[in-house]
PDB file of N, CA and C in Angstrom:
ATOM      1  N   MET A   1      84.152  97.415  83.751  1.00  0.00           N
ATOM      2  CA  MET A   1      83.962  96.022  84.100  1.00  0.00           C
ATOM      3  C   MET A   1      82.472  95.692  83.954  1.00  0.00           C
ATOM      4  N   ARG A   2      82.207  94.538  83.425  1.00  0.00           N
ATOM      5  CA  ARG A   2      80.835  94.081  83.229  1.00  0.00           C
ATOM      6  C   ARG A   2      80.446  93.098  84.319  1.00  0.00           C
ATOM      7  N   ILE A   3      79.145  92.903  84.487  1.00  0.00           N
ATOM      8  CA  ILE A   3      78.664  91.946  85.494  1.00  0.00           C
ATOM      9  C   ILE A   3      79.133  90.538  85.140  1.00  0.00           C
ATOM     10  N   SER A   4      79.250  90.226  83.865  1.00  0.00           N
ATOM     11  CA  SER A   4      79.725  88.893  83.474  1.00  0.00           C
ATOM     12  C   SER A   4      81.170  88.677  83.935  1.00  0.00           C
ATOM     13  N   ASP A   5      81.967  89.751  83.987  1.00  0.00           N
ATOM     14  CA  ASP A   5      83.335  89.644  84.513  1.00  0.00           C
ATOM     15  C   ASP A   5      83.312  89.334  86.007  1.00  0.00           C
ATOM     16  N   LEU A   6      82.406  89.970  86.733  1.00  0.00           N
ATOM     17  CA  LEU A   6      82.293  89.733  88.173  1.00  0.00           C
ATOM     18  C   LEU A   6      81.787  88.325  88.471  1.00  0.00           C
ATOM     19  N   GLN A   7      80.909  87.800  87.614  1.00  0.00           N
ATOM     20  CA  GLN A   7      80.329  86.484  87.849  1.00  0.00           C
ATOM     21  C   GLN A   7      81.351  85.354  87.726  1.00  0.00           C
ATOM     22  N   ARG A   8      82.462  85.603  87.087  1.00  0.00           N
ATOM     23  CA  ARG A   8      83.505  84.580  86.932  1.00  0.00           C
ATOM     24  C   ARG A   8      84.446  84.511  88.137  1.00  0.00           C
ATOM     25  N   LYS A   9      84.330  85.449  89.037  1.00  0.00           N
ATOM     26  CA  LYS A   9      85.244  85.530  90.186  1.00  0.00           C
ATOM     27  C   LYS A   9      84.630  84.894  91.429  1.00  0.00           C
ATOM     28  N   ASP A  10      85.466  84.264  92.237  1.00  0.00           N
ATOM     29  CA  ASP A  10      85.019  83.735  93.519  1.00  0.00           C
ATOM     30  C   ASP A  10      84.960  84.874  94.531  1.00  0.00           C
ATOM     31  N   VAL A  11      83.958  84.841  95.398  1.00  0.00           N
ATOM     32  CA  VAL A  11      83.829  85.823  96.468  1.00  0.00           C
ATOM     33  C   VAL A  11      84.364  85.180  97.746  1.00  0.00           C
ATOM     34  N   VAL A  12      85.349  85.855  98.377  1.00  0.00           N
ATOM     35  CA  VAL A  12      86.034  85.303  99.546  1.00  0.00           C
ATOM     36  C   VAL A  12      85.983  86.315 100.680  1.00  0.00           C
ATOM     37  N   SER A  13      85.705  85.821 101.883  1.00  0.00           N
ATOM     38  CA  SER A  13      85.684  86.666 103.079  1.00  0.00           C
ATOM     39  C   SER A  13      87.113  86.899 103.563  1.00  0.00           C
ATOM     40  N   ILE A  14      87.467  88.162 103.809  1.00  0.00           N
ATOM     41  CA  ILE A  14      88.815  88.437 104.321  1.00  0.00           C
ATOM     42  C   ILE A  14      88.905  88.154 105.822  1.00  0.00           C
ATOM     43  N   LYS A  15      87.756  88.013 106.453  1.00  0.00           N
ATOM     44  CA  LYS A  15      87.732  87.747 107.891  1.00  0.00           C
ATOM     45  C   LYS A  15      88.270  86.359 108.223  1.00  0.00           C
ATOM     46  N   ASP A  16      87.834  85.341 107.456  1.00  0.00           N
ATOM     47  CA  ASP A  16      88.267  83.974 107.747  1.00  0.00           C
ATOM     48  C   ASP A  16      88.800  83.220 106.531  1.00  0.00           C
ATOM     49  N   GLY A  17      88.855  83.874 105.356  1.00  0.00           N
ATOM     50  CA  GLY A  17      89.368  83.245 104.151  1.00  0.00           C
ATOM     51  C   GLY A  17      88.415  82.255 103.510  1.00  0.00           C
ATOM     52  N   LYS A  18      87.182  82.215 103.977  1.00  0.00           N
ATOM     53  CA  LYS A  18      86.190  81.261 103.484  1.00  0.00           C
ATOM     54  C   LYS A  18      85.640  81.718 102.130  1.00  0.00           C
ATOM     55  N   ARG A  19      85.528  80.781 101.206  1.00  0.00           N
ATOM     56  CA  ARG A  19      84.937  81.053  99.905  1.00  0.00           C
ATOM     57  C   ARG A  19      83.428  81.085 100.067  1.00  0.00           C
ATOM     58  N   LEU A  20      82.819  82.211  99.706  1.00  0.00           N
ATOM     59  CA  LEU A  20      81.380  82.386  99.882  1.00  0.00           C
ATOM     60  C   LEU A  20      80.580  81.910  98.678  1.00  0.00           C
ATOM     61  N   GLY A  21      81.164  81.905  97.513  1.00  0.00           N
ATOM     62  CA  GLY A  21      80.473  81.484  96.303  1.00  0.00           C
ATOM     63  C   GLY A  21      80.763  82.431  95.159  1.00  0.00           C
ATOM     64  N   ARG A  22      79.810  82.512  94.226  1.00  0.00           N
ATOM     65  CA  ARG A  22      79.946  83.399  93.068  1.00  0.00           C
ATOM     66  C   ARG A  22      78.715  84.274  92.940  1.00  0.00           C
ATOM     67  N   ILE A  23      78.898  85.417  92.313  1.00  0.00           N
ATOM     68  CA  ILE A  23      77.800  86.361  92.107  1.00  0.00           C
ATOM     69  C   ILE A  23      76.846  85.776  91.065  1.00  0.00           C
ATOM     70  N   ILE A  24      75.560  85.750  91.420  1.00  0.00           N
ATOM     71  CA  ILE A  24      74.564  85.218  90.495  1.00  0.00           C
ATOM     72  C   ILE A  24      73.552  86.272  90.044  1.00  0.00           C
ATOM     73  N   ASP A  25      73.457  87.388  90.786  1.00  0.00           N
ATOM     74  CA  ASP A  25      72.432  88.366  90.446  1.00  0.00           C
ATOM     75  C   ASP A  25      72.766  89.706  91.082  1.00  0.00           C
ATOM     76  N   LEU A  26      72.019  90.727  90.699  1.00  0.00           N
ATOM     77  CA  LEU A  26      72.140  92.073  91.258  1.00  0.00           C
ATOM     78  C   LEU A  26      70.773  92.522  91.738  1.00  0.00           C
ATOM     79  N   GLU A  27      70.767  93.398  92.725  1.00  0.00           N
ATOM     80  CA  GLU A  27      69.520  94.062  93.112  1.00  0.00           C
ATOM     81  C   GLU A  27      69.701  95.540  92.792  1.00  0.00           C
ATOM     82  N   ILE A  28      68.798  96.073  91.966  1.00  0.00           N
ATOM     83  CA  ILE A  28      68.895  97.444  91.486  1.00  0.00           C
ATOM     84  C   ILE A  28      67.724  98.244  92.040  1.00  0.00           C
ATOM     85  N   ASN A  29      68.004  99.452  92.540  1.00  0.00           N
ATOM     86  CA  ASN A  29      66.944 100.288  93.106  1.00  0.00           C
ATOM     87  C   ASN A  29      66.197 101.037  91.998  1.00  0.00           C
ATOM     88  N   GLY A  30      65.222 101.831  92.377  1.00  0.00           N
ATOM     89  CA  GLY A  30      64.391 102.563  91.425  1.00  0.00           C
ATOM     90  C   GLY A  30      65.138 103.594  90.601  1.00  0.00           C
ATOM     91  N   LEU A  31      66.301 104.032  91.083  1.00  0.00           N
ATOM     92  CA  LEU A  31      67.102 105.014  90.358  1.00  0.00           C
ATOM     93  C   LEU A  31      68.080 104.357  89.380  1.00  0.00           C
ATOM     94  N   GLY A  32      68.108 103.027  89.374  1.00  0.00           N
ATOM     95  CA  GLY A  32      69.009 102.313  88.470  1.00  0.00           C
ATOM     96  C   GLY A  32      70.379 102.044  89.056  1.00  0.00           C
ATOM     97  N   ASN A  33      70.538 102.283  90.365  1.00  0.00           N
ATOM     98  CA  ASN A  33      71.820 102.024  91.024  1.00  0.00           C
ATOM     99  C   ASN A  33      71.847 100.624  91.618  1.00  0.00           C
ATOM    100  N   ILE A  34      73.010 100.005  91.582  1.00  0.00           N
ATOM    101  CA  ILE A  34      73.150  98.667  92.153  1.00  0.00           C
ATOM    102  C   ILE A  34      73.177  98.780  93.671  1.00  0.00           C
ATOM    103  N   GLU A  35      72.247  98.103  94.334  1.00  0.00           N
ATOM    104  CA  GLU A  35      72.177  98.094  95.792  1.00  0.00           C
ATOM    105  C   GLU A  35      73.008  96.945  96.369  1.00  0.00           C
ATOM    106  N   TYR A  36      72.816  95.749  95.828  1.00  0.00           N
ATOM    107  CA  TYR A  36      73.459  94.543  96.353  1.00  0.00           C
ATOM    108  C   TYR A  36      73.950  93.648  95.229  1.00  0.00           C
ATOM    109  N   LEU A  37      75.005  92.916  95.523  1.00  0.00           N
ATOM    110  CA  LEU A  37      75.426  91.787  94.705  1.00  0.00           C
ATOM    111  C   LEU A  37      74.905  90.555  95.431  1.00  0.00           C
ATOM    112  N   ILE A  38      74.292  89.648  94.727  1.00  0.00           N
ATOM    113  CA  ILE A  38      73.743  88.447  95.352  1.00  0.00           C
ATOM    114  C   ILE A  38      74.667  87.281  95.038  1.00  0.00           C
ATOM    115  N   VAL A  39      75.142  86.621  96.105  1.00  0.00           N
ATOM    116  CA  VAL A  39      76.099  85.529  95.992  1.00  0.00           C
ATOM    117  C   VAL A  39      75.419  84.222  96.356  1.00  0.00           C
ATOM    118  N   GLU A  40      75.555  83.241  95.479  1.00  0.00           N
ATOM    119  CA  GLU A  40      75.035  81.905  95.752  1.00  0.00           C
ATOM    120  C   GLU A  40      76.176  81.066  96.305  1.00  0.00           C
ATOM    121  N   PRO A  41      75.953  80.436  97.444  1.00  0.00           N
ATOM    122  CA  PRO A  41      77.037  79.638  98.034  1.00  0.00           C
ATOM    123  C   PRO A  41      77.362  78.422  97.197  1.00  0.00           C
ATOM    124  N   LYS A  42      78.632  78.045  97.205  1.00  0.00           N
ATOM    125  CA  LYS A  42      79.051  76.826  96.511  1.00  0.00           C
ATOM    126  C   LYS A  42      78.791  75.647  97.427  1.00  0.00           C
ATOM    127  N   ARG A  43      78.011  74.715  96.931  1.00  0.00           N
ATOM    128  CA  ARG A  43      77.684  73.519  97.706  1.00  0.00           C
ATOM    129  C   ARG A  43      77.793  72.315  96.799  1.00  0.00           C
ATOM    130  N   PHE A  44      78.224  71.229  97.372  1.00  0.00           N
ATOM    131  CA  PHE A  44      78.362  69.995  96.608  1.00  0.00           C
ATOM    132  C   PHE A  44      76.999  69.377  96.313  1.00  0.00           C
ATOM    133  N   PHE A  45      76.143  69.340  97.320  1.00  0.00           N
ATOM    134  CA  PHE A  45      74.815  68.750  97.168  1.00  0.00           C
ATOM    135  C   PHE A  45      73.757  69.845  97.226  1.00  0.00           C
ATOM    136  N   ARG A  46      73.580  70.593  96.154  1.00  0.00           N
ATOM    137  CA  ARG A  46      72.614  71.692  96.134  1.00  0.00           C
ATOM    138  C   ARG A  46      71.176  71.199  96.225  1.00  0.00           C
ATOM    139  N   LEU A  47      70.918  69.995  95.773  1.00  0.00           N
ATOM    140  CA  LEU A  47      69.549  69.480  95.797  1.00  0.00           C
ATOM    141  C   LEU A  47      69.065  69.220  97.217  1.00  0.00           C
ATOM    142  N   PHE A  48      69.977  68.944  98.130  1.00  0.00           N
ATOM    143  CA  PHE A  48      69.603  68.550  99.486  1.00  0.00           C
ATOM    144  C   PHE A  48      69.755  69.666 100.513  1.00  0.00           C
ATOM    145  N   THR A  49      70.131  70.856 100.080  1.00  0.00           N
ATOM    146  CA  THR A  49      70.347  71.961 101.013  1.00  0.00           C
ATOM    147  C   THR A  49      69.462  73.135 100.633  1.00  0.00           C
ATOM    148  N   SER A  50      69.226  74.012 101.604  1.00  0.00           N
ATOM    149  CA  SER A  50      68.432  75.202 101.325  1.00  0.00           C
ATOM    150  C   SER A  50      69.287  76.213 100.558  1.00  0.00           C
ATOM    151  N   ASN A  51      68.647  77.122  99.877  1.00  0.00           N
ATOM    152  CA  ASN A  51      69.340  78.117  99.070  1.00  0.00           C
ATOM    153  C   ASN A  51      69.563  79.365  99.914  1.00  0.00           C
ATOM    154  N   ASP A  52      70.696  79.445 100.578  1.00  0.00           N
ATOM    155  CA  ASP A  52      71.032  80.572 101.434  1.00  0.00           C
ATOM    156  C   ASP A  52      71.889  81.564 100.660  1.00  0.00           C
ATOM    157  N   GLU A  53      71.221  82.491  99.967  1.00  0.00           N
ATOM    158  CA  GLU A  53      71.946  83.506  99.216  1.00  0.00           C
ATOM    159  C   GLU A  53      72.467  84.570 100.170  1.00  0.00           C
ATOM    160  N   THR A  54      73.600  85.156  99.823  1.00  0.00           N
ATOM    161  CA  THR A  54      74.212  86.218 100.606  1.00  0.00           C
ATOM    162  C   THR A  54      74.152  87.499  99.796  1.00  0.00           C
ATOM    163  N   THR A  55      73.791  88.607 100.433  1.00  0.00           N
ATOM    164  CA  THR A  55      73.807  89.902  99.751  1.00  0.00           C
ATOM    165  C   THR A  55      75.009  90.695 100.240  1.00  0.00           C
ATOM    166  N   ILE A  56      75.675  91.347  99.297  1.00  0.00           N
ATOM    167  CA  ILE A  56      76.882  92.108  99.593  1.00  0.00           C
ATOM    168  C   ILE A  56      76.725  93.502  98.997  1.00  0.00           C
ATOM    169  N   THR A  57      77.004  94.524  99.794  1.00  0.00           N
ATOM    170  CA  THR A  57      76.982  95.899  99.295  1.00  0.00           C
ATOM    171  C   THR A  57      78.372  96.261  98.780  1.00  0.00           C
ATOM    172  N   PHE A  58      78.448  97.353  98.025  1.00  0.00           N
ATOM    173  CA  PHE A  58      79.751  97.791  97.529  1.00  0.00           C
ATOM    174  C   PHE A  58      80.655  98.259  98.663  1.00  0.00           C
ATOM    175  N   LYS A  59      80.074  98.703  99.763  1.00  0.00           N
ATOM    176  CA  LYS A  59      80.877  99.110 100.929  1.00  0.00           C
ATOM    177  C   LYS A  59      81.598  97.920 101.550  1.00  0.00           C
ATOM    178  N   GLN A  60      81.055  96.727 101.383  1.00  0.00           N
ATOM    179  CA  GLN A  60      81.655  95.531 101.961  1.00  0.00           C
ATOM    180  C   GLN A  60      82.760  94.950 101.086  1.00  0.00           C
ATOM    181  N   ILE A  61      82.866  95.394  99.838  1.00  0.00           N
ATOM    182  CA  ILE A  61      83.916  94.899  98.945  1.00  0.00           C
ATOM    183  C   ILE A  61      85.217  95.577  99.312  1.00  0.00           C
ATOM    184  N   ASN A  62      86.229  94.769  99.598  1.00  0.00           N
ATOM    185  CA  ASN A  62      87.541  95.284  99.963  1.00  0.00           C
ATOM    186  C   ASN A  62      88.436  95.421  98.745  1.00  0.00           C
ATOM    187  N   LYS A  63      88.430  94.415  97.865  1.00  0.00           N
ATOM    188  CA  LYS A  63      89.301  94.419  96.688  1.00  0.00           C
ATOM    189  C   LYS A  63      88.711  93.507  95.624  1.00  0.00           C
ATOM    190  N   ILE A  64      88.795  93.937  94.377  1.00  0.00           N
ATOM    191  CA  ILE A  64      88.413  93.095  93.245  1.00  0.00           C
ATOM    192  C   ILE A  64      89.689  92.778  92.487  1.00  0.00           C
ATOM    193  N   GLY A  65      90.073  91.507  92.527  1.00  0.00           N
ATOM    194  CA  GLY A  65      91.285  91.059  91.852  1.00  0.00           C
ATOM    195  C   GLY A  65      90.961  90.375  90.535  1.00  0.00           C
ATOM    196  N   GLU A  66      91.978  89.752  89.943  1.00  0.00           N
ATOM    197  CA  GLU A  66      91.792  89.070  88.663  1.00  0.00           C
ATOM    198  C   GLU A  66      90.891  87.846  88.788  1.00  0.00           C
ATOM    199  N   ASP A  67      91.036  87.097  89.901  1.00  0.00           N
ATOM    200  CA  ASP A  67      90.306  85.843  90.064  1.00  0.00           C
ATOM    201  C   ASP A  67      89.354  85.835  91.248  1.00  0.00           C
ATOM    202  N   VAL A  68      89.416  86.852  92.105  1.00  0.00           N
ATOM    203  CA  VAL A  68      88.679  86.795  93.354  1.00  0.00           C
ATOM    204  C   VAL A  68      88.191  88.187  93.759  1.00  0.00           C
ATOM    205  N   ILE A  69      87.077  88.210  94.482  1.00  0.00           N
ATOM    206  CA  ILE A  69      86.561  89.442  95.083  1.00  0.00           C
ATOM    207  C   ILE A  69      86.649  89.258  96.585  1.00  0.00           C
ATOM    208  N   LEU A  70      87.414  90.116  97.263  1.00  0.00           N
ATOM    209  CA  LEU A  70      87.564  90.035  98.707  1.00  0.00           C
ATOM    210  C   LEU A  70      86.537  90.934  99.373  1.00  0.00           C
ATOM    211  N   VAL A  71      85.779  90.368 100.314  1.00  0.00           N
ATOM    212  CA  VAL A  71      84.726  91.118 100.991  1.00  0.00           C
ATOM    213  C   VAL A  71      84.897  91.027 102.495  1.00  0.00           C
ATOM    214  N   GLU A  72      84.374  92.019 103.185  1.00  0.00           N
ATOM    215  CA  GLU A  72      84.405  92.047 104.642  1.00  0.00           C
ATOM    216  C   GLU A  72      82.981  91.984 105.143  1.00  0.00           C
ATOM    217  N   ILE A  73      82.556  90.759 105.537  1.00  0.00           N
ATOM    218  CA  ILE A  73      81.203  90.588 106.079  1.00  0.00           C
ATOM    219  C   ILE A  73      81.267  89.763 107.342  1.00  0.00           C
TER     220      ILE A  73
END
């Protein structure tokens, strides 16, 4: 699976079913391993709100489906 495949999926919390947004970036450590997936929240008025990005570790990912990534945060 490529990062572009992950970027097309919505990230959803299994705790409350809330859509968190989509993956926009990765944080990679000095060894070349992915530390975090960075999720940008979906907002209607992005110009008027602050940019509250969410970081998700692979331990927090519960399931990667065809259209959605389920996370426990």
